[in-house]
Amino acid sequence: MKKIAKIVVDREVCIGAAPCVTVAPGVFQLDEENKAVVVNAEGSDQDTILLAAQSCPVQAISLFDEEGNRIFPE
Protein backbone atom coordinates (compact mmCIF):
# COMPACT_ATOMS: atom_id res chain seq x y z
CA MET A 1 0.00 0.00 0.00
CA LYS A 2 1.16 3.52 -0.74
CA LYS A 3 1.85 5.88 2.15
CA ILE A 4 -1.24 7.67 3.43
CA ALA A 5 -0.64 11.39 3.07
CA LYS A 6 -4.14 12.77 3.61
CA ILE A 7 -7.24 11.64 5.50
CA VAL A 8 -10.60 13.20 4.63
CA VAL A 9 -13.86 12.69 6.54
CA ASP A 10 -16.99 13.52 4.54
CA ARG A 11 -19.09 15.16 7.26
CA GLU A 12 -22.23 15.00 5.09
CA VAL A 13 -21.93 11.21 4.99
CA CYS A 14 -20.65 10.55 8.54
CA ILE A 15 -23.33 9.16 10.87
CA GLY A 16 -21.25 9.23 14.05
CA ALA A 17 -21.16 5.43 14.46
CA ALA A 18 -17.53 5.90 15.59
CA PRO A 19 -15.81 2.61 14.71
CA CYS A 20 -12.97 4.80 13.39
CA VAL A 21 -12.57 6.25 16.90
CA THR A 22 -12.57 2.76 18.40
CA VAL A 23 -9.95 1.47 15.94
CA ALA A 24 -7.73 4.57 15.83
CA PRO A 25 -8.49 6.89 18.77
CA GLY A 26 -5.20 8.71 18.26
CA VAL A 27 -6.35 9.76 14.78
CA PHE A 28 -10.13 10.19 14.98
CA GLN A 29 -12.47 11.72 17.54
CA LEU A 30 -16.12 12.76 17.49
CA ASP A 31 -16.77 16.50 17.62
CA GLU A 32 -19.65 18.41 19.21
CA GLU A 33 -21.90 17.44 16.26
CA ASN A 34 -21.09 13.75 16.85
CA LYS A 35 -19.21 13.60 13.54
CA ALA A 36 -15.76 12.12 13.07
CA VAL A 37 -12.83 14.50 12.69
CA VAL A 38 -9.13 13.89 12.19
CA VAL A 39 -7.30 15.07 15.30
CA ASN A 40 -3.85 13.72 14.38
CA ALA A 41 -3.15 12.23 10.95
CA GLU A 42 0.10 10.80 12.35
CA GLY A 43 -1.62 9.37 15.44
CA SER A 44 -1.35 5.73 14.40
CA ASP A 45 0.37 3.43 11.94
CA GLN A 46 -0.76 3.16 8.31
CA ASP A 47 -2.41 -0.25 8.71
CA THR A 48 -4.50 0.93 11.65
CA ILE A 49 -5.61 4.05 9.78
CA LEU A 50 -6.66 1.91 6.81
CA LEU A 51 -8.53 -0.46 9.13
CA ALA A 52 -10.31 2.51 10.74
CA ALA A 53 -11.37 3.82 7.32
CA GLN A 54 -12.54 0.34 6.29
CA SER A 55 -14.57 0.04 9.51
CA CYS A 56 -16.77 3.03 8.61
CA PRO A 57 -20.26 1.67 7.81
CA VAL A 58 -20.98 4.49 5.35
CA GLN A 59 -17.47 4.89 3.85
CA ALA A 60 -17.21 8.50 5.00
CA ILE A 61 -13.41 8.30 5.29
CA SER A 62 -11.19 8.68 2.23
CA LEU A 63 -7.44 8.12 2.21
CA PHE A 64 -5.08 9.68 -0.31
CA ASP A 65 -1.42 9.15 -1.19
CA GLU A 66 1.24 11.83 -1.62
CA GLU A 67 0.27 12.37 -5.28
CA GLY A 68 -3.36 12.98 -4.32
CA ASN A 69 -4.56 9.60 -5.59
CA ARG A 70 -7.33 7.94 -3.61
CA ILE A 71 -6.10 4.83 -1.80
CA PHE A 72 -9.40 4.04 -0.08
CA PRO A 73 -12.15 3.54 -1.02
CA GLU A 74 -11.00 2.38 -4.43
PDB file of N, CA and C in Angstrom:
ATOM      1  N   MET A   1       0.840  -1.189   0.000  1.00  0.00           N
ATOM      2  CA  MET A   1       0.000   0.000   0.000  1.00  0.00           C
ATOM      3  C   MET A   1       0.882   1.249   0.000  1.00  0.00           C
ATOM      4  N   LYS A   2       0.440   2.254  -0.736  1.00  0.00           N
ATOM      5  CA  LYS A   2       1.160   3.522  -0.744  1.00  0.00           C
ATOM      6  C   LYS A   2       0.979   4.222   0.598  1.00  0.00           C
ATOM      7  N   LYS A   3       1.899   5.128   0.886  1.00  0.00           N
ATOM      8  CA  LYS A   3       1.846   5.876   2.146  1.00  0.00           C
ATOM      9  C   LYS A   3       0.636   6.810   2.151  1.00  0.00           C
ATOM     10  N   ILE A   4      -0.089   6.789   3.264  1.00  0.00           N
ATOM     11  CA  ILE A   4      -1.243   7.671   3.425  1.00  0.00           C
ATOM     12  C   ILE A   4      -0.729   9.071   3.738  1.00  0.00           C
ATOM     13  N   ALA A   5      -1.092  10.025   2.879  1.00  0.00           N
ATOM     14  CA  ALA A   5      -0.638  11.393   3.067  1.00  0.00           C
ATOM     15  C   ALA A   5      -1.763  12.310   3.536  1.00  0.00           C
ATOM     16  N   LYS A   6      -3.015  11.910   3.264  1.00  0.00           N
ATOM     17  CA  LYS A   6      -4.143  12.775   3.608  1.00  0.00           C
ATOM     18  C   LYS A   6      -5.341  11.907   3.986  1.00  0.00           C
ATOM     19  N   ILE A   7      -6.035  12.319   5.039  1.00  0.00           N
ATOM     20  CA  ILE A   7      -7.242  11.643   5.504  1.00  0.00           C
ATOM     21  C   ILE A   7      -8.377  12.657   5.434  1.00  0.00           C
ATOM     22  N   VAL A   8      -9.467  12.291   4.767  1.00  0.00           N
ATOM     23  CA  VAL A   8     -10.604  13.197   4.630  1.00  0.00           C
ATOM     24  C   VAL A   8     -11.858  12.510   5.147  1.00  0.00           C
ATOM     25  N   VAL A   9     -12.571  13.185   6.047  1.00  0.00           N
ATOM     26  CA  VAL A   9     -13.855  12.686   6.536  1.00  0.00           C
ATOM     27  C   VAL A   9     -14.948  13.511   5.874  1.00  0.00           C
ATOM     28  N   ASP A  10     -15.854  12.851   5.160  1.00  0.00           N
ATOM     29  CA  ASP A  10     -16.994  13.524   4.543  1.00  0.00           C
ATOM     30  C   ASP A  10     -18.067  13.691   5.619  1.00  0.00           C
ATOM     31  N   ARG A  11     -18.182  14.895   6.138  1.00  0.00           N
ATOM     32  CA  ARG A  11     -19.091  15.164   7.256  1.00  0.00           C
ATOM     33  C   ARG A  11     -20.556  15.046   6.843  1.00  0.00           C
ATOM     34  N   GLU A  12     -20.848  15.172   5.565  1.00  0.00           N
ATOM     35  CA  GLU A  12     -22.226  15.004   5.094  1.00  0.00           C
ATOM     36  C   GLU A  12     -22.638  13.536   5.139  1.00  0.00           C
ATOM     37  N   VAL A  13     -21.668  12.645   5.023  1.00  0.00           N
ATOM     38  CA  VAL A  13     -21.926  11.207   4.986  1.00  0.00           C
ATOM     39  C   VAL A  13     -21.801  10.581   6.375  1.00  0.00           C
ATOM     40  N   CYS A  14     -20.912  11.107   7.212  1.00  0.00           N
ATOM     41  CA  CYS A  14     -20.646  10.546   8.542  1.00  0.00           C
ATOM     42  C   CYS A  14     -21.920  10.494   9.376  1.00  0.00           C
ATOM     43  N   ILE A  15     -22.152   9.328  10.017  1.00  0.00           N
ATOM     44  CA  ILE A  15     -23.326   9.162  10.868  1.00  0.00           C
ATOM     45  C   ILE A  15     -22.963   9.069  12.350  1.00  0.00           C
ATOM     46  N   GLY A  16     -21.684   9.236  12.664  1.00  0.00           N
ATOM     47  CA  GLY A  16     -21.253   9.229  14.053  1.00  0.00           C
ATOM     48  C   GLY A  16     -21.253   7.856  14.702  1.00  0.00           C
ATOM     49  N   ALA A  17     -21.179   6.798  13.909  1.00  0.00           N
ATOM     50  CA  ALA A  17     -21.158   5.434  14.458  1.00  0.00           C
ATOM     51  C   ALA A  17     -19.875   5.188  15.257  1.00  0.00           C
ATOM     52  N   ALA A  18     -18.804   5.837  14.868  1.00  0.00           N
ATOM     53  CA  ALA A  18     -17.531   5.897  15.587  1.00  0.00           C
ATOM     54  C   ALA A  18     -16.658   4.645  15.627  1.00  0.00           C
ATOM     55  N   PRO A  19     -16.785   3.696  14.688  1.00  0.00           N
ATOM     56  CA  PRO A  19     -15.809   2.610  14.710  1.00  0.00           C
ATOM     57  C   PRO A  19     -14.394   3.125  14.415  1.00  0.00           C
ATOM     58  N   CYS A  20     -14.298   4.219  13.677  1.00  0.00           N
ATOM     59  CA  CYS A  20     -12.975   4.798  13.393  1.00  0.00           C
ATOM     60  C   CYS A  20     -12.300   5.250  14.692  1.00  0.00           C
ATOM     61  N   VAL A  21     -13.095   5.804  15.610  1.00  0.00           N
ATOM     62  CA  VAL A  21     -12.565   6.248  16.904  1.00  0.00           C
ATOM     63  C   VAL A  21     -12.134   5.042  17.732  1.00  0.00           C
ATOM     64  N   THR A  22     -12.908   3.974  17.667  1.00  0.00           N
ATOM     65  CA  THR A  22     -12.575   2.758  18.399  1.00  0.00           C
ATOM     66  C   THR A  22     -11.280   2.137  17.884  1.00  0.00           C
ATOM     67  N   VAL A  23     -11.129   2.098  16.565  1.00  0.00           N
ATOM     68  CA  VAL A  23      -9.952   1.472  15.942  1.00  0.00           C
ATOM     69  C   VAL A  23      -8.716   2.361  16.061  1.00  0.00           C
ATOM     70  N   ALA A  24      -8.875   3.652  15.841  1.00  0.00           N
ATOM     71  CA  ALA A  24      -7.726   4.567  15.833  1.00  0.00           C
ATOM     72  C   ALA A  24      -8.034   5.837  16.628  1.00  0.00           C
ATOM     73  N   PRO A  25      -8.142   5.724  17.957  1.00  0.00           N
ATOM     74  CA  PRO A  25      -8.493   6.887  18.774  1.00  0.00           C
ATOM     75  C   PRO A  25      -7.446   7.998  18.751  1.00  0.00           C
ATOM     76  N   GLY A  26      -6.222   7.679  18.375  1.00  0.00           N
ATOM     77  CA  GLY A  26      -5.196   8.707  18.259  1.00  0.00           C
ATOM     78  C   GLY A  26      -5.320   9.540  17.003  1.00  0.00           C
ATOM     79  N   VAL A  27      -6.167   9.071  16.068  1.00  0.00           N
ATOM     80  CA  VAL A  27      -6.346   9.758  14.784  1.00  0.00           C
ATOM     81  C   VAL A  27      -7.712  10.429  14.702  1.00  0.00           C
ATOM     82  N   PHE A  28      -8.751   9.705  15.124  1.00  0.00           N
ATOM     83  CA  PHE A  28     -10.126  10.185  14.979  1.00  0.00           C
ATOM     84  C   PHE A  28     -10.778  10.433  16.338  1.00  0.00           C
ATOM     85  N   GLN A  29     -11.627  11.446  16.384  1.00  0.00           N
ATOM     86  CA  GLN A  29     -12.475  11.721  17.544  1.00  0.00           C
ATOM     87  C   GLN A  29     -13.821  12.200  17.002  1.00  0.00           C
ATOM     88  N   LEU A  30     -14.837  12.169  17.850  1.00  0.00           N
ATOM     89  CA  LEU A  30     -16.124  12.764  17.488  1.00  0.00           C
ATOM     90  C   LEU A  30     -16.156  14.190  18.013  1.00  0.00           C
ATOM     91  N   ASP A  31     -16.680  15.101  17.196  1.00  0.00           N
ATOM     92  CA  ASP A  31     -16.768  16.502  17.620  1.00  0.00           C
ATOM     93  C   ASP A  31     -18.117  16.776  18.277  1.00  0.00           C
ATOM     94  N   GLU A  32     -18.416  18.040  18.517  1.00  0.00           N
ATOM     95  CA  GLU A  32     -19.647  18.414  19.207  1.00  0.00           C
ATOM     96  C   GLU A  32     -20.903  18.072  18.403  1.00  0.00           C
ATOM     97  N   GLU A  33     -20.759  17.843  17.093  1.00  0.00           N
ATOM     98  CA  GLU A  33     -21.897  17.442  16.261  1.00  0.00           C
ATOM     99  C   GLU A  33     -21.995  15.919  16.129  1.00  0.00           C
ATOM    100  N   ASN A  34     -21.151  15.209  16.893  1.00  0.00           N
ATOM    101  CA  ASN A  34     -21.095  13.746  16.847  1.00  0.00           C
ATOM    102  C   ASN A  34     -20.667  13.237  15.468  1.00  0.00           C
ATOM    103  N   LYS A  35     -19.782  13.984  14.835  1.00  0.00           N
ATOM    104  CA  LYS A  35     -19.213  13.604  13.535  1.00  0.00           C
ATOM    105  C   LYS A  35     -17.724  13.359  13.740  1.00  0.00           C
ATOM    106  N   ALA A  36     -17.187  12.431  12.973  1.00  0.00           N
ATOM    107  CA  ALA A  36     -15.760  12.118  13.073  1.00  0.00           C
ATOM    108  C   ALA A  36     -14.922  13.257  12.496  1.00  0.00           C
ATOM    109  N   VAL A  37     -13.828  13.539  13.172  1.00  0.00           N
ATOM    110  CA  VAL A  37     -12.833  14.501  12.692  1.00  0.00           C
ATOM    111  C   VAL A  37     -11.451  13.894  12.886  1.00  0.00           C
ATOM    112  N   VAL A  38     -10.527  14.332  12.055  1.00  0.00           N
ATOM    113  CA  VAL A  38      -9.135  13.894  12.189  1.00  0.00           C
ATOM    114  C   VAL A  38      -8.463  14.825  13.184  1.00  0.00           C
ATOM    115  N   VAL A  39      -7.974  14.264  14.290  1.00  0.00           N
ATOM    116  CA  VAL A  39      -7.302  15.071  15.298  1.00  0.00           C
ATOM    117  C   VAL A  39      -5.781  14.973  15.180  1.00  0.00           C
ATOM    118  N   ASN A  40      -5.298  13.889  14.571  1.00  0.00           N
ATOM    119  CA  ASN A  40      -3.853  13.722  14.382  1.00  0.00           C
ATOM    120  C   ASN A  40      -3.628  12.683  13.291  1.00  0.00           C
ATOM    121  N   ALA A  41      -3.342  13.139  12.084  1.00  0.00           N
ATOM    122  CA  ALA A  41      -3.154  12.233  10.951  1.00  0.00           C
ATOM    123  C   ALA A  41      -1.972  11.287  11.154  1.00  0.00           C
ATOM    124  N   GLU A  42      -1.077  11.633  12.061  1.00  0.00           N
ATOM    125  CA  GLU A  42       0.096  10.802  12.355  1.00  0.00           C
ATOM    126  C   GLU A  42      -0.102   9.997  13.640  1.00  0.00           C
ATOM    127  N   GLY A  43      -1.344   9.941  14.133  1.00  0.00           N
ATOM    128  CA  GLY A  43      -1.622   9.366  15.438  1.00  0.00           C
ATOM    129  C   GLY A  43      -1.638   7.854  15.520  1.00  0.00           C
ATOM    130  N   SER A  44      -1.393   7.190  14.401  1.00  0.00           N
ATOM    131  CA  SER A  44      -1.354   5.733  14.401  1.00  0.00           C
ATOM    132  C   SER A  44      -0.599   5.263  13.168  1.00  0.00           C
ATOM    133  N   ASP A  45      -0.346   3.957  13.108  1.00  0.00           N
ATOM    134  CA  ASP A  45       0.365   3.427  11.938  1.00  0.00           C
ATOM    135  C   ASP A  45      -0.585   3.318  10.742  1.00  0.00           C
ATOM    136  N   GLN A  46      -0.001   3.179   9.574  1.00  0.00           N
ATOM    137  CA  GLN A  46      -0.756   3.162   8.311  1.00  0.00           C
ATOM    138  C   GLN A  46      -1.813   2.055   8.277  1.00  0.00           C
ATOM    139  N   ASP A  47      -1.458   0.872   8.747  1.00  0.00           N
ATOM    140  CA  ASP A  47      -2.406  -0.250   8.707  1.00  0.00           C
ATOM    141  C   ASP A  47      -3.621   0.021   9.586  1.00  0.00           C
ATOM    142  N   THR A  48      -3.399   0.631  10.738  1.00  0.00           N
ATOM    143  CA  THR A  48      -4.504   0.934  11.649  1.00  0.00           C
ATOM    144  C   THR A  48      -5.405   2.014  11.061  1.00  0.00           C
ATOM    145  N   ILE A  49      -4.813   3.003  10.414  1.00  0.00           N
ATOM    146  CA  ILE A  49      -5.613   4.055   9.777  1.00  0.00           C
ATOM    147  C   ILE A  49      -6.471   3.460   8.662  1.00  0.00           C
ATOM    148  N   LEU A  50      -5.886   2.570   7.871  1.00  0.00           N
ATOM    149  CA  LEU A  50      -6.656   1.908   6.809  1.00  0.00           C
ATOM    150  C   LEU A  50      -7.788   1.083   7.414  1.00  0.00           C
ATOM    151  N   LEU A  51      -7.505   0.349   8.464  1.00  0.00           N
ATOM    152  CA  LEU A  51      -8.533  -0.455   9.132  1.00  0.00           C
ATOM    153  C   LEU A  51      -9.656   0.433   9.670  1.00  0.00           C
ATOM    154  N   ALA A  52      -9.296   1.572  10.228  1.00  0.00           N
ATOM    155  CA  ALA A  52     -10.305   2.509  10.736  1.00  0.00           C
ATOM    156  C   ALA A  52     -11.196   3.007   9.603  1.00  0.00           C
ATOM    157  N   ALA A  53     -10.590   3.351   8.476  1.00  0.00           N
ATOM    158  CA  ALA A  53     -11.372   3.815   7.323  1.00  0.00           C
ATOM    159  C   ALA A  53     -12.282   2.699   6.812  1.00  0.00           C
ATOM    160  N   GLN A  54     -11.759   1.487   6.761  1.00  0.00           N
ATOM    161  CA  GLN A  54     -12.545   0.344   6.292  1.00  0.00           C
ATOM    162  C   GLN A  54     -13.688   0.020   7.245  1.00  0.00           C
ATOM    163  N   SER A  55     -13.542   0.361   8.517  1.00  0.00           N
ATOM    164  CA  SER A  55     -14.573   0.044   9.509  1.00  0.00           C
ATOM    165  C   SER A  55     -15.782   0.971   9.426  1.00  0.00           C
ATOM    166  N   CYS A  56     -15.660   2.073   8.718  1.00  0.00           N
ATOM    167  CA  CYS A  56     -16.767   3.027   8.614  1.00  0.00           C
ATOM    168  C   CYS A  56     -17.935   2.396   7.845  1.00  0.00           C
ATOM    169  N   PRO A  57     -19.121   2.323   8.470  1.00  0.00           N
ATOM    170  CA  PRO A  57     -20.258   1.665   7.810  1.00  0.00           C
ATOM    171  C   PRO A  57     -20.800   2.418   6.602  1.00  0.00           C
ATOM    172  N   VAL A  58     -20.470   3.702   6.476  1.00  0.00           N
ATOM    173  CA  VAL A  58     -20.982   4.495   5.352  1.00  0.00           C
ATOM    174  C   VAL A  58     -19.857   5.007   4.444  1.00  0.00           C
ATOM    175  N   GLN A  59     -18.650   4.502   4.627  1.00  0.00           N
ATOM    176  CA  GLN A  59     -17.471   4.892   3.848  1.00  0.00           C
ATOM    177  C   GLN A  59     -17.298   6.408   3.775  1.00  0.00           C
ATOM    178  N   ALA A  60     -17.367   7.048   4.936  1.00  0.00           N
ATOM    179  CA  ALA A  60     -17.209   8.502   5.004  1.00  0.00           C
ATOM    180  C   ALA A  60     -15.750   8.932   5.044  1.00  0.00           C
ATOM    181  N   ILE A  61     -14.827   7.967   5.168  1.00  0.00           N
ATOM    182  CA  ILE A  61     -13.408   8.297   5.289  1.00  0.00           C
ATOM    183  C   ILE A  61     -12.683   7.930   4.001  1.00  0.00           C
ATOM    184  N   SER A  62     -12.003   8.915   3.418  1.00  0.00           N
ATOM    185  CA  SER A  62     -11.192   8.681   2.226  1.00  0.00           C
ATOM    186  C   SER A  62      -9.731   8.885   2.576  1.00  0.00           C
ATOM    187  N   LEU A  63      -8.886   8.041   2.007  1.00  0.00           N
ATOM    188  CA  LEU A  63      -7.441   8.118   2.214  1.00  0.00           C
ATOM    189  C   LEU A  63      -6.769   8.394   0.877  1.00  0.00           C
ATOM    190  N   PHE A  64      -5.777   9.295   0.908  1.00  0.00           N
ATOM    191  CA  PHE A  64      -5.083   9.683  -0.307  1.00  0.00           C
ATOM    192  C   PHE A  64      -3.576   9.541  -0.127  1.00  0.00           C
ATOM    193  N   ASP A  65      -2.882   9.243  -1.242  1.00  0.00           N
ATOM    194  CA  ASP A  65      -1.419   9.150  -1.189  1.00  0.00           C
ATOM    195  C   ASP A  65      -0.800  10.519  -1.433  1.00  0.00           C
ATOM    196  N   GLU A  66       0.521  10.564  -1.487  1.00  0.00           N
ATOM    197  CA  GLU A  66       1.238  11.833  -1.624  1.00  0.00           C
ATOM    198  C   GLU A  66       0.994  12.527  -2.958  1.00  0.00           C
ATOM    199  N   GLU A  67       0.574  11.775  -3.991  1.00  0.00           N
ATOM    200  CA  GLU A  67       0.267  12.373  -5.284  1.00  0.00           C
ATOM    201  C   GLU A  67      -1.190  12.812  -5.389  1.00  0.00           C
ATOM    202  N   GLY A  68      -1.962  12.598  -4.317  1.00  0.00           N
ATOM    203  CA  GLY A  68      -3.365  12.977  -4.319  1.00  0.00           C
ATOM    204  C   GLY A  68      -4.281  11.888  -4.863  1.00  0.00           C
ATOM    205  N   ASN A  69      -3.746  10.707  -5.111  1.00  0.00           N
ATOM    206  CA  ASN A  69      -4.559   9.596  -5.592  1.00  0.00           C
ATOM    207  C   ASN A  69      -5.290   8.944  -4.424  1.00  0.00           C
ATOM    208  N   ARG A  70      -6.540   8.592  -4.661  1.00  0.00           N
ATOM    209  CA  ARG A  70      -7.328   7.935  -3.612  1.00  0.00           C
ATOM    210  C   ARG A  70      -6.819   6.511  -3.417  1.00  0.00           C
ATOM    211  N   ILE A  71      -6.513   6.180  -2.164  1.00  0.00           N
ATOM    212  CA  ILE A  71      -6.103   4.828  -1.798  1.00  0.00           C
ATOM    213  C   ILE A  71      -7.319   4.032  -1.354  1.00  0.00           C
ATOM    214  N   PHE A  72      -8.198   4.684  -0.579  1.00  0.00           N
ATOM    215  CA  PHE A  72      -9.404   4.042  -0.076  1.00  0.00           C
ATOM    216  C   PHE A  72     -10.500   5.082   0.028  1.00  0.00           C
ATOM    217  N   PRO A  73     -11.761   4.747  -0.297  1.00  0.00           N
ATOM    218  CA  PRO A  73     -12.150   3.535  -1.016  1.00  0.00           C
ATOM    219  C   PRO A  73     -11.696   3.599  -2.463  1.00  0.00           C
ATOM    220  N   GLU A  74     -11.510   2.433  -3.046  1.00  0.00           N
ATOM    221  CA  GLU A  74     -11.000   2.376  -4.429  1.00  0.00           C
ATOM    222  C   GLU A  74     -12.080   2.747  -5.415  1.00  0.00           C
TER     223      GLU A  74
END
